[in-house]
Full PDB file with SEQRES, HELIX, SHEET, SSBOND, CRYST1, ORIGX, SCALE, CONECT and MASTER records, all heavy atoms in Angstrom:
SEQRES   1 A   37  TYR ALA GLN ASN ILE GLN ASP GLU GLU MET ILE PRO TYR          
SEQRES   2 A   37  PHE LYS LYS ILE GLN ASP ASN LEU GLU GLN ILE ASP LYS          
SEQRES   3 A   37  HIS GLN GLU GLN LEU ARG VAL LEU LYS GLY VAL                  
HELIX    1 AA1 ALA A    2  ASN A    4  5                                   3    
HELIX    2 AA2 ILE A   11  LYS A   35  1                                  25    
CRYST1    1.000    1.000    1.000  90.00  90.00  90.00 P 1           1          
ORIGX1      1.000000  0.000000  0.000000        0.00000                         
ORIGX2      0.000000  1.000000  0.000000        0.00000                         
ORIGX3      0.000000  0.000000  1.000000        0.00000                         
SCALE1      1.000000  0.000000  0.000000        0.00000                         
SCALE2      0.000000  1.000000  0.000000        0.00000                         
SCALE3      0.000000  0.000000  1.000000        0.00000                         
ATOM      1  N   TYR A   1     129.420  34.432 190.525  1.00  0.00           N  
ATOM      2  CA  TYR A   1     128.774  33.213 191.001  1.00  0.00           C  
ATOM      3  C   TYR A   1     127.999  32.428 189.943  1.00  0.00           C  
ATOM      4  O   TYR A   1     127.366  31.431 190.267  1.00  0.00           O  
ATOM      5  CB  TYR A   1     127.826  33.559 192.158  1.00  0.00           C  
ATOM      6  CG  TYR A   1     128.546  34.158 193.339  1.00  0.00           C  
ATOM      7  CD1 TYR A   1     128.431  35.512 193.634  1.00  0.00           C  
ATOM      8  CD2 TYR A   1     129.362  33.373 194.145  1.00  0.00           C  
ATOM      9  CE1 TYR A   1     129.095  36.073 194.709  1.00  0.00           C  
ATOM     10  CE2 TYR A   1     130.035  33.926 195.218  1.00  0.00           C  
ATOM     11  CZ  TYR A   1     129.898  35.271 195.499  1.00  0.00           C  
ATOM     12  OH  TYR A   1     130.561  35.812 196.558  1.00  0.00           O  
ATOM     13  N   ALA A   2     128.044  32.850 188.697  1.00  0.00           N  
ATOM     14  CA  ALA A   2     127.225  32.208 187.656  1.00  0.00           C  
ATOM     15  C   ALA A   2     127.519  30.726 187.500  1.00  0.00           C  
ATOM     16  O   ALA A   2     126.610  29.933 187.249  1.00  0.00           O  
ATOM     17  CB  ALA A   2     127.419  32.921 186.321  1.00  0.00           C  
ATOM     18  N   GLN A   3     128.753  30.328 187.644  1.00  0.00           N  
ATOM     19  CA  GLN A   3     129.120  28.935 187.410  1.00  0.00           C  
ATOM     20  C   GLN A   3     128.754  28.002 188.568  1.00  0.00           C  
ATOM     21  O   GLN A   3     128.546  26.818 188.366  1.00  0.00           O  
ATOM     22  CB  GLN A   3     130.622  28.821 187.114  1.00  0.00           C  
ATOM     23  CG  GLN A   3     131.035  29.580 185.874  1.00  0.00           C  
ATOM     24  CD  GLN A   3     130.252  29.163 184.645  1.00  0.00           C  
ATOM     25  OE1 GLN A   3     130.010  27.991 184.427  1.00  0.00           O  
ATOM     26  NE2 GLN A   3     129.834  30.133 183.843  1.00  0.00           N  
ATOM     27  N   ASN A   4     128.691  28.528 189.776  1.00  0.00           N  
ATOM     28  CA  ASN A   4     128.410  27.656 190.924  1.00  0.00           C  
ATOM     29  C   ASN A   4     127.471  28.327 191.925  1.00  0.00           C  
ATOM     30  O   ASN A   4     127.764  28.376 193.113  1.00  0.00           O  
ATOM     31  CB  ASN A   4     129.714  27.225 191.595  1.00  0.00           C  
ATOM     32  CG  ASN A   4     130.592  28.393 191.959  1.00  0.00           C  
ATOM     33  OD1 ASN A   4     130.201  29.537 191.806  1.00  0.00           O  
ATOM     34  ND2 ASN A   4     131.786  28.115 192.430  1.00  0.00           N  
ATOM     35  N   ILE A   5     126.361  28.792 191.428  1.00  0.00           N  
ATOM     36  CA  ILE A   5     125.386  29.467 192.291  1.00  0.00           C  
ATOM     37  C   ILE A   5     124.777  28.465 193.278  1.00  0.00           C  
ATOM     38  O   ILE A   5     124.388  27.368 192.894  1.00  0.00           O  
ATOM     39  CB  ILE A   5     124.284  30.172 191.459  1.00  0.00           C  
ATOM     40  CG1 ILE A   5     123.299  30.925 192.350  1.00  0.00           C  
ATOM     41  CG2 ILE A   5     123.525  29.201 190.594  1.00  0.00           C  
ATOM     42  CD1 ILE A   5     123.867  32.143 192.980  1.00  0.00           C  
ATOM     43  N   GLN A   6     124.728  28.830 194.533  1.00  0.00           N  
ATOM     44  CA  GLN A   6     124.159  27.987 195.574  1.00  0.00           C  
ATOM     45  C   GLN A   6     122.850  28.553 196.101  1.00  0.00           C  
ATOM     46  O   GLN A   6     122.059  27.850 196.703  1.00  0.00           O  
ATOM     47  CB  GLN A   6     125.158  27.847 196.735  1.00  0.00           C  
ATOM     48  CG  GLN A   6     126.483  27.228 196.351  1.00  0.00           C  
ATOM     49  CD  GLN A   6     126.346  25.787 195.912  1.00  0.00           C  
ATOM     50  OE1 GLN A   6     125.552  25.036 196.469  1.00  0.00           O  
ATOM     51  NE2 GLN A   6     127.093  25.391 194.899  1.00  0.00           N  
ATOM     52  N   ASP A   7     122.639  29.821 195.878  1.00  0.00           N  
ATOM     53  CA  ASP A   7     121.466  30.512 196.391  1.00  0.00           C  
ATOM     54  C   ASP A   7     120.244  30.145 195.548  1.00  0.00           C  
ATOM     55  O   ASP A   7     120.085  30.618 194.428  1.00  0.00           O  
ATOM     56  CB  ASP A   7     121.727  32.022 196.361  1.00  0.00           C  
ATOM     57  CG  ASP A   7     120.647  32.820 197.060  1.00  0.00           C  
ATOM     58  OD1 ASP A   7     119.571  32.259 197.355  1.00  0.00           O  
ATOM     59  OD2 ASP A   7     120.891  34.019 197.310  1.00  0.00           O  
ATOM     60  N   GLU A   8     119.372  29.286 196.076  1.00  0.00           N  
ATOM     61  CA  GLU A   8     118.198  28.795 195.350  1.00  0.00           C  
ATOM     62  C   GLU A   8     117.314  29.929 194.830  1.00  0.00           C  
ATOM     63  O   GLU A   8     116.704  29.821 193.774  1.00  0.00           O  
ATOM     64  CB  GLU A   8     117.363  27.869 196.249  1.00  0.00           C  
ATOM     65  CG  GLU A   8     118.047  26.564 196.593  1.00  0.00           C  
ATOM     66  CD  GLU A   8     118.204  25.643 195.401  1.00  0.00           C  
ATOM     67  OE1 GLU A   8     117.312  25.620 194.534  1.00  0.00           O  
ATOM     68  OE2 GLU A   8     119.231  24.942 195.334  1.00  0.00           O  
ATOM     69  N   GLU A   9     117.242  31.007 195.580  1.00  0.00           N  
ATOM     70  CA  GLU A   9     116.404  32.131 195.191  1.00  0.00           C  
ATOM     71  C   GLU A   9     116.919  32.820 193.916  1.00  0.00           C  
ATOM     72  O   GLU A   9     116.151  33.376 193.143  1.00  0.00           O  
ATOM     73  CB  GLU A   9     116.366  33.145 196.346  1.00  0.00           C  
ATOM     74  CG  GLU A   9     115.439  34.306 196.128  1.00  0.00           C  
ATOM     75  CD  GLU A   9     115.434  35.252 197.330  1.00  0.00           C  
ATOM     76  OE1 GLU A   9     115.487  34.769 198.476  1.00  0.00           O  
ATOM     77  OE2 GLU A   9     115.392  36.468 197.104  1.00  0.00           O  
ATOM     78  N   MET A  10     118.234  32.738 193.679  1.00  0.00           N  
ATOM     79  CA  MET A  10     118.841  33.423 192.542  1.00  0.00           C  
ATOM     80  C   MET A  10     118.905  32.554 191.282  1.00  0.00           C  
ATOM     81  O   MET A  10     119.071  33.082 190.181  1.00  0.00           O  
ATOM     82  CB  MET A  10     120.270  33.863 192.896  1.00  0.00           C  
ATOM     83  CG  MET A  10     120.334  34.923 193.946  1.00  0.00           C  
ATOM     84  SD  MET A  10     119.654  36.455 193.281  1.00  0.00           S  
ATOM     85  CE  MET A  10     118.766  37.071 194.671  1.00  0.00           C  
ATOM     86  N   ILE A  11     118.755  31.246 191.403  1.00  0.00           N  
ATOM     87  CA  ILE A  11     118.908  30.332 190.262  1.00  0.00           C  
ATOM     88  C   ILE A  11     118.010  30.702 189.077  1.00  0.00           C  
ATOM     89  O   ILE A  11     118.489  30.766 187.941  1.00  0.00           O  
ATOM     90  CB  ILE A  11     118.719  28.868 190.693  1.00  0.00           C  
ATOM     91  CG1 ILE A  11     119.911  28.445 191.552  1.00  0.00           C  
ATOM     92  CG2 ILE A  11     118.568  27.946 189.491  1.00  0.00           C  
ATOM     93  CD1 ILE A  11     119.799  27.060 192.154  1.00  0.00           C  
ATOM     94  N   PRO A  12     116.714  30.998 189.265  1.00  0.00           N  
ATOM     95  CA  PRO A  12     115.893  31.359 188.095  1.00  0.00           C  
ATOM     96  C   PRO A  12     116.394  32.619 187.370  1.00  0.00           C  
ATOM     97  O   PRO A  12     116.348  32.688 186.154  1.00  0.00           O  
ATOM     98  CB  PRO A  12     114.506  31.603 188.688  1.00  0.00           C  
ATOM     99  CG  PRO A  12     114.510  30.964 190.026  1.00  0.00           C  
ATOM    100  CD  PRO A  12     115.923  30.936 190.488  1.00  0.00           C  
ATOM    101  N   TYR A  13     116.900  33.584 188.128  1.00  0.00           N  
ATOM    102  CA  TYR A  13     117.425  34.799 187.520  1.00  0.00           C  
ATOM    103  C   TYR A  13     118.694  34.500 186.716  1.00  0.00           C  
ATOM    104  O   TYR A  13     118.871  34.990 185.602  1.00  0.00           O  
ATOM    105  CB  TYR A  13     117.721  35.859 188.588  1.00  0.00           C  
ATOM    106  CG  TYR A  13     116.506  36.293 189.360  1.00  0.00           C  
ATOM    107  CD1 TYR A  13     116.329  35.912 190.686  1.00  0.00           C  
ATOM    108  CD2 TYR A  13     115.519  37.069 188.764  1.00  0.00           C  
ATOM    109  CE1 TYR A  13     115.208  36.312 191.404  1.00  0.00           C  
ATOM    110  CE2 TYR A  13     114.393  37.475 189.472  1.00  0.00           C  
ATOM    111  CZ  TYR A  13     114.247  37.086 190.788  1.00  0.00           C  
ATOM    112  OH  TYR A  13     113.138  37.482 191.486  1.00  0.00           O  
ATOM    113  N   PHE A  14     119.568  33.682 187.304  1.00  0.00           N  
ATOM    114  CA  PHE A  14     120.804  33.322 186.623  1.00  0.00           C  
ATOM    115  C   PHE A  14     120.500  32.548 185.342  1.00  0.00           C  
ATOM    116  O   PHE A  14     121.106  32.782 184.310  1.00  0.00           O  
ATOM    117  CB  PHE A  14     121.694  32.484 187.549  1.00  0.00           C  
ATOM    118  CG  PHE A  14     122.546  33.309 188.472  1.00  0.00           C  
ATOM    119  CD1 PHE A  14     121.980  34.283 189.283  1.00  0.00           C  
ATOM    120  CD2 PHE A  14     123.905  33.105 188.540  1.00  0.00           C  
ATOM    121  CE1 PHE A  14     122.756  35.036 190.138  1.00  0.00           C  
ATOM    122  CE2 PHE A  14     124.689  33.859 189.392  1.00  0.00           C  
ATOM    123  CZ  PHE A  14     124.116  34.824 190.193  1.00  0.00           C  
ATOM    124  N   LYS A  15     119.538  31.620 185.419  1.00  0.00           N  
ATOM    125  CA  LYS A  15     119.183  30.829 184.241  1.00  0.00           C  
ATOM    126  C   LYS A  15     118.633  31.728 183.138  1.00  0.00           C  
ATOM    127  O   LYS A  15     118.986  31.581 181.971  1.00  0.00           O  
ATOM    128  CB  LYS A  15     118.172  29.751 184.601  1.00  0.00           C  
ATOM    129  CG  LYS A  15     117.712  28.945 183.405  1.00  0.00           C  
ATOM    130  CD  LYS A  15     117.354  27.554 183.750  1.00  0.00           C  
ATOM    131  CE  LYS A  15     116.879  26.739 182.591  1.00  0.00           C  
ATOM    132  NZ  LYS A  15     117.527  26.923 181.326  1.00  0.00           N  
ATOM    133  N   LYS A  16     117.777  32.675 183.495  1.00  0.00           N  
ATOM    134  CA  LYS A  16     117.204  33.591 182.509  1.00  0.00           C  
ATOM    135  C   LYS A  16     118.297  34.428 181.848  1.00  0.00           C  
ATOM    136  O   LYS A  16     118.295  34.622 180.634  1.00  0.00           O  
ATOM    137  CB  LYS A  16     116.150  34.493 183.180  1.00  0.00           C  
ATOM    138  CG  LYS A  16     115.465  35.435 182.248  1.00  0.00           C  
ATOM    139  CD  LYS A  16     114.641  34.708 181.216  1.00  0.00           C  
ATOM    140  CE  LYS A  16     113.884  35.711 180.349  1.00  0.00           C  
ATOM    141  NZ  LYS A  16     113.290  35.095 179.193  1.00  0.00           N  
ATOM    142  N   ILE A  17     119.241  34.898 182.638  1.00  0.00           N  
ATOM    143  CA  ILE A  17     120.349  35.675 182.081  1.00  0.00           C  
ATOM    144  C   ILE A  17     121.170  34.815 181.128  1.00  0.00           C  
ATOM    145  O   ILE A  17     121.510  35.245 180.023  1.00  0.00           O  
ATOM    146  CB  ILE A  17     121.232  36.273 183.202  1.00  0.00           C  
ATOM    147  CG1 ILE A  17     120.462  37.356 183.956  1.00  0.00           C  
ATOM    148  CG2 ILE A  17     122.534  36.827 182.628  1.00  0.00           C  
ATOM    149  CD1 ILE A  17     121.162  37.848 185.210  1.00  0.00           C  
ATOM    150  N   GLN A  18     121.481  33.576 181.539  1.00  0.00           N  
ATOM    151  CA  GLN A  18     122.255  32.669 180.676  1.00  0.00           C  
ATOM    152  C   GLN A  18     121.516  32.421 179.370  1.00  0.00           C  
ATOM    153  O   GLN A  18     122.118  32.444 178.291  1.00  0.00           O  
ATOM    154  CB  GLN A  18     122.519  31.332 181.385  1.00  0.00           C  
ATOM    155  CG  GLN A  18     123.495  31.417 182.518  1.00  0.00           C  
ATOM    156  CD  GLN A  18     124.937  31.585 182.057  1.00  0.00           C  
ATOM    157  OE1 GLN A  18     125.218  32.142 181.011  1.00  0.00           O  
ATOM    158  NE2 GLN A  18     125.853  31.109 182.865  1.00  0.00           N  
ATOM    159  N   ASP A  19     120.214  32.162 179.427  1.00  0.00           N  
ATOM    160  CA  ASP A  19     119.420  31.933 178.221  1.00  0.00           C  
ATOM    161  C   ASP A  19     119.454  33.163 177.311  1.00  0.00           C  
ATOM    162  O   ASP A  19     119.612  33.037 176.093  1.00  0.00           O  
ATOM    163  CB  ASP A  19     117.968  31.597 178.578  1.00  0.00           C  
ATOM    164  CG  ASP A  19     117.822  30.240 179.247  1.00  0.00           C  
ATOM    165  OD1 ASP A  19     118.773  29.428 179.187  1.00  0.00           O  
ATOM    166  OD2 ASP A  19     116.749  29.994 179.839  1.00  0.00           O  
ATOM    167  N   ASN A  20     119.306  34.345 177.905  1.00  0.00           N  
ATOM    168  CA  ASN A  20     119.343  35.577 177.117  1.00  0.00           C  
ATOM    169  C   ASN A  20     120.715  35.785 176.471  1.00  0.00           C  
ATOM    170  O   ASN A  20     120.804  36.211 175.315  1.00  0.00           O  
ATOM    171  CB  ASN A  20     118.965  36.786 177.965  1.00  0.00           C  
ATOM    172  CG  ASN A  20     117.487  36.818 178.304  1.00  0.00           C  
ATOM    173  OD1 ASN A  20     116.675  36.137 177.688  1.00  0.00           O  
ATOM    174  ND2 ASN A  20     117.129  37.609 179.296  1.00  0.00           N  
ATOM    175  N   LEU A  21     121.779  35.493 177.208  1.00  0.00           N  
ATOM    176  CA  LEU A  21     123.129  35.632 176.649  1.00  0.00           C  
ATOM    177  C   LEU A  21     123.332  34.681 175.465  1.00  0.00           C  
ATOM    178  O   LEU A  21     123.944  35.054 174.459  1.00  0.00           O  
ATOM    179  CB  LEU A  21     124.188  35.381 177.731  1.00  0.00           C  
ATOM    180  CG  LEU A  21     124.320  36.467 178.796  1.00  0.00           C  
ATOM    181  CD1 LEU A  21     125.235  36.010 179.925  1.00  0.00           C  
ATOM    182  CD2 LEU A  21     124.826  37.768 178.182  1.00  0.00           C  
ATOM    183  N   GLU A  22     122.809  33.459 175.569  1.00  0.00           N  
ATOM    184  CA  GLU A  22     122.908  32.506 174.461  1.00  0.00           C  
ATOM    185  C   GLU A  22     122.136  33.009 173.241  1.00  0.00           C  
ATOM    186  O   GLU A  22     122.605  32.890 172.108  1.00  0.00           O  
ATOM    187  CB  GLU A  22     122.398  31.136 174.888  1.00  0.00           C  
ATOM    188  CG  GLU A  22     123.319  30.427 175.851  1.00  0.00           C  
ATOM    189  CD  GLU A  22     122.727  29.149 176.442  1.00  0.00           C  
ATOM    190  OE1 GLU A  22     121.680  28.677 175.944  1.00  0.00           O  
ATOM    191  OE2 GLU A  22     123.314  28.638 177.407  1.00  0.00           O  
ATOM    192  N   GLN A  23     120.953  33.578 173.463  1.00  0.00           N  
ATOM    193  CA  GLN A  23     120.166  34.129 172.357  1.00  0.00           C  
ATOM    194  C   GLN A  23     120.890  35.314 171.709  1.00  0.00           C  
ATOM    195  O   GLN A  23     120.890  35.452 170.489  1.00  0.00           O  
ATOM    196  CB  GLN A  23     118.781  34.563 172.845  1.00  0.00           C  
ATOM    197  CG  GLN A  23     117.854  33.420 173.169  1.00  0.00           C  
ATOM    198  CD  GLN A  23     117.543  32.581 171.942  1.00  0.00           C  
ATOM    199  OE1 GLN A  23     117.341  33.085 170.852  1.00  0.00           O  
ATOM    200  NE2 GLN A  23     117.521  31.275 172.134  1.00  0.00           N  
ATOM    201  N   ILE A  24     121.508  36.142 172.528  1.00  0.00           N  
ATOM    202  CA  ILE A  24     122.278  37.269 171.994  1.00  0.00           C  
ATOM    203  C   ILE A  24     123.401  36.758 171.112  1.00  0.00           C  
ATOM    204  O   ILE A  24     123.638  37.282 170.021  1.00  0.00           O  
ATOM    205  CB  ILE A  24     122.814  38.164 173.140  1.00  0.00           C  
ATOM    206  CG1 ILE A  24     121.666  38.937 173.787  1.00  0.00           C  
ATOM    207  CG2 ILE A  24     123.898  39.113 172.634  1.00  0.00           C  
ATOM    208  CD1 ILE A  24     122.042  39.651 175.071  1.00  0.00           C  
ATOM    209  N   ASP A  25     124.126  35.716 171.561  1.00  0.00           N  
ATOM    210  CA  ASP A  25     125.209  35.135 170.761  1.00  0.00           C  
ATOM    211  C   ASP A  25     124.690  34.645 169.412  1.00  0.00           C  
ATOM    212  O   ASP A  25     125.323  34.860 168.382  1.00  0.00           O  
ATOM    213  CB  ASP A  25     125.891  33.987 171.508  1.00  0.00           C  
ATOM    214  CG  ASP A  25     126.792  34.461 172.632  1.00  0.00           C  
ATOM    215  OD1 ASP A  25     127.148  35.665 172.660  1.00  0.00           O  
ATOM    216  OD2 ASP A  25     127.147  33.625 173.485  1.00  0.00           O  
ATOM    217  N   LYS A  26     123.534  33.977 169.414  1.00  0.00           N  
ATOM    218  CA  LYS A  26     122.959  33.484 168.158  1.00  0.00           C  
ATOM    219  C   LYS A  26     122.602  34.639 167.228  1.00  0.00           C  
ATOM    220  O   LYS A  26     122.878  34.590 166.031  1.00  0.00           O  
ATOM    221  CB  LYS A  26     121.725  32.627 168.437  1.00  0.00           C  
ATOM    222  CG  LYS A  26     122.048  31.292 169.043  1.00  0.00           C  
ATOM    223  CD  LYS A  26     120.796  30.495 169.348  1.00  0.00           C  
ATOM    224  CE  LYS A  26     121.138  29.187 170.042  1.00  0.00           C  
ATOM    225  NZ  LYS A  26     119.940  28.445 170.414  1.00  0.00           N  
ATOM    226  N   HIS A  27     121.996  35.680 167.784  1.00  0.00           N  
ATOM    227  CA  HIS A  27     121.632  36.844 166.971  1.00  0.00           C  
ATOM    228  C   HIS A  27     122.877  37.554 166.428  1.00  0.00           C  
ATOM    229  O   HIS A  27     122.900  37.998 165.278  1.00  0.00           O  
ATOM    230  CB  HIS A  27     120.769  37.818 167.758  1.00  0.00           C  
ATOM    231  CG  HIS A  27     119.396  37.314 168.073  1.00  0.00           C  
ATOM    232  ND1 HIS A  27     118.583  36.707 167.140  1.00  0.00           N  
ATOM    233  CD2 HIS A  27     118.688  37.319 169.225  1.00  0.00           C  
ATOM    234  CE1 HIS A  27     117.443  36.359 167.698  1.00  0.00           C  
ATOM    235  NE2 HIS A  27     117.479  36.715 168.969  1.00  0.00           N  
ATOM    236  N   GLN A  28     123.917  37.647 167.254  1.00  0.00           N  
ATOM    237  CA  GLN A  28     125.155  38.284 166.803  1.00  0.00           C  
ATOM    238  C   GLN A  28     125.788  37.485 165.667  1.00  0.00           C  
ATOM    239  O   GLN A  28     126.327  38.061 164.725  1.00  0.00           O  
ATOM    240  CB  GLN A  28     126.129  38.455 167.967  1.00  0.00           C  
ATOM    241  CG  GLN A  28     125.715  39.554 168.921  1.00  0.00           C  
ATOM    242  CD  GLN A  28     126.594  39.649 170.148  1.00  0.00           C  
ATOM    243  OE1 GLN A  28     127.215  38.677 170.585  1.00  0.00           O  
ATOM    244  NE2 GLN A  28     126.636  40.836 170.733  1.00  0.00           N  
ATOM    245  N   GLU A  29     125.712  36.168 165.746  1.00  0.00           N  
ATOM    246  CA  GLU A  29     126.251  35.332 164.676  1.00  0.00           C  
ATOM    247  C   GLU A  29     125.460  35.550 163.386  1.00  0.00           C  
ATOM    248  O   GLU A  29     126.037  35.625 162.302  1.00  0.00           O  
ATOM    249  CB  GLU A  29     126.237  33.852 165.079  1.00  0.00           C  
ATOM    250  CG  GLU A  29     126.917  32.949 164.076  1.00  0.00           C  
ATOM    251  CD  GLU A  29     128.365  33.314 163.775  1.00  0.00           C  
ATOM    252  OE1 GLU A  29     129.093  33.756 164.691  1.00  0.00           O  
ATOM    253  OE2 GLU A  29     128.770  33.183 162.603  1.00  0.00           O  
ATOM    254  N   GLN A  30     124.144  35.677 163.489  1.00  0.00           N  
ATOM    255  CA  GLN A  30     123.328  35.965 162.308  1.00  0.00           C  
ATOM    256  C   GLN A  30     123.719  37.314 161.702  1.00  0.00           C  
ATOM    257  O   GLN A  30     123.803  37.445 160.477  1.00  0.00           O  
ATOM    258  CB  GLN A  30     121.839  35.965 162.670  1.00  0.00           C  
ATOM    259  CG  GLN A  30     121.297  34.594 162.992  1.00  0.00           C  
ATOM    260  CD  GLN A  30     119.866  34.647 163.510  1.00  0.00           C  
ATOM    261  OE1 GLN A  30     119.428  35.634 164.091  1.00  0.00           O  
ATOM    262  NE2 GLN A  30     119.134  33.563 163.299  1.00  0.00           N  
ATOM    263  N   LEU A  31     123.974  38.305 162.542  1.00  0.00           N  
ATOM    264  CA  LEU A  31     124.414  39.606 162.044  1.00  0.00           C  
ATOM    265  C   LEU A  31     125.760  39.500 161.337  1.00  0.00           C  
ATOM    266  O   LEU A  31     125.979  40.136 160.305  1.00  0.00           O  
ATOM    267  CB  LEU A  31     124.510  40.622 163.189  1.00  0.00           C  
ATOM    268  CG  LEU A  31     123.204  41.204 163.689  1.00  0.00           C  
ATOM    269  CD1 LEU A  31     123.449  42.094 164.912  1.00  0.00           C  
ATOM    270  CD2 LEU A  31     122.516  42.000 162.595  1.00  0.00           C  
ATOM    271  N   ARG A  32     126.667  38.701 161.892  1.00  0.00           N  
ATOM    272  CA  ARG A  32     127.976  38.514 161.257  1.00  0.00           C  
ATOM    273  C   ARG A  32     127.822  37.946 159.852  1.00  0.00           C  
ATOM    274  O   ARG A  32     128.493  38.380 158.925  1.00  0.00           O  
ATOM    275  CB  ARG A  32     128.860  37.602 162.099  1.00  0.00           C  
ATOM    276  CG  ARG A  32     129.480  38.255 163.280  1.00  0.00           C  
ATOM    277  CD  ARG A  32     130.489  37.326 163.969  1.00  0.00           C  
ATOM    278  NE  ARG A  32     130.745  37.811 165.290  1.00  0.00           N  
ATOM    279  CZ  ARG A  32     130.059  37.447 166.382  1.00  0.00           C  
ATOM    280  NH1 ARG A  32     129.115  36.546 166.313  1.00  0.00           N  
ATOM    281  NH2 ARG A  32     130.347  37.964 167.548  1.00  0.00           N  
ATOM    282  N   VAL A  33     126.957  36.952 159.720  1.00  0.00           N  
ATOM    283  CA  VAL A  33     126.722  36.345 158.409  1.00  0.00           C  
ATOM    284  C   VAL A  33     126.202  37.401 157.435  1.00  0.00           C  
ATOM    285  O   VAL A  33     126.677  37.501 156.305  1.00  0.00           O  
ATOM    286  CB  VAL A  33     125.735  35.156 158.515  1.00  0.00           C  
ATOM    287  CG1 VAL A  33     125.300  34.684 157.141  1.00  0.00           C  
ATOM    288  CG2 VAL A  33     126.369  34.011 159.300  1.00  0.00           C  
ATOM    289  N   LEU A  34     125.241  38.200 157.873  1.00  0.00           N  
ATOM    290  CA  LEU A  34     124.680  39.238 157.012  1.00  0.00           C  
ATOM    291  C   LEU A  34     125.716  40.301 156.642  1.00  0.00           C  
ATOM    292  O   LEU A  34     125.693  40.843 155.540  1.00  0.00           O  
ATOM    293  CB  LEU A  34     123.482  39.900 157.691  1.00  0.00           C  
ATOM    294  CG  LEU A  34     122.257  39.008 157.883  1.00  0.00           C  
ATOM    295  CD1 LEU A  34     121.209  39.714 158.726  1.00  0.00           C  
ATOM    296  CD2 LEU A  34     121.677  38.598 156.543  1.00  0.00           C  
ATOM    297  N   LYS A  35     126.630  40.606 157.569  1.00  0.00           N  
ATOM    298  CA  LYS A  35     127.663  41.610 157.329  1.00  0.00           C  
ATOM    299  C   LYS A  35     128.852  41.054 156.549  1.00  0.00           C  
ATOM    300  O   LYS A  35     129.705  41.815 156.106  1.00  0.00           O  
ATOM    301  CB  LYS A  35     128.192  42.170 158.658  1.00  0.00           C  
ATOM    302  CG  LYS A  35     127.218  43.037 159.403  1.00  0.00           C  
ATOM    303  CD  LYS A  35     127.869  43.504 160.700  1.00  0.00           C  
ATOM    304  CE  LYS A  35     126.974  44.382 161.521  1.00  0.00           C  
ATOM    305  NZ  LYS A  35     127.615  44.771 162.792  1.00  0.00           N  
ATOM    306  N   GLY A  36     128.951  39.710 156.434  1.00  0.00           N  
ATOM    307  CA  GLY A  36     130.090  39.114 155.742  1.00  0.00           C  
ATOM    308  C   GLY A  36     131.346  39.090 156.584  1.00  0.00           C  
ATOM    309  O   GLY A  36     132.452  39.238 156.065  1.00  0.00           O  
ATOM    310  N   VAL A  37     131.173  38.933 157.893  1.00  0.00           N  
ATOM    311  CA  VAL A  37     132.323  38.841 158.794  1.00  0.00           C  
ATOM    312  C   VAL A  37     132.231  37.570 159.627  1.00  0.00           C  
ATOM    313  O   VAL A  37     131.163  36.963 159.737  1.00  0.00           O  
ATOM    314  CB  VAL A  37     132.424  40.070 159.744  1.00  0.00           C  
ATOM    315  CG1 VAL A  37     132.648  41.344 158.969  1.00  0.00           C  
ATOM    316  CG2 VAL A  37     131.217  40.194 160.627  1.00  0.00           C  
TER     317      VAL A  37                                                      
MASTER        0    0    0    2    0    0    0    6  316    1    0    3          
END                                                                             
C-alpha cells in the first residue's frame, strides 16, 4: 500500500519509512564511492 495509502492513521508511518529508505540509499551510494564500486 505504500504507493496509494488511504488510511490517514498510517500516512505518518509510511512517510517516515520512505524518508528512512531514501537516507539509506544515499548512505549506500556514499559507501559505493568509498569502496570504488
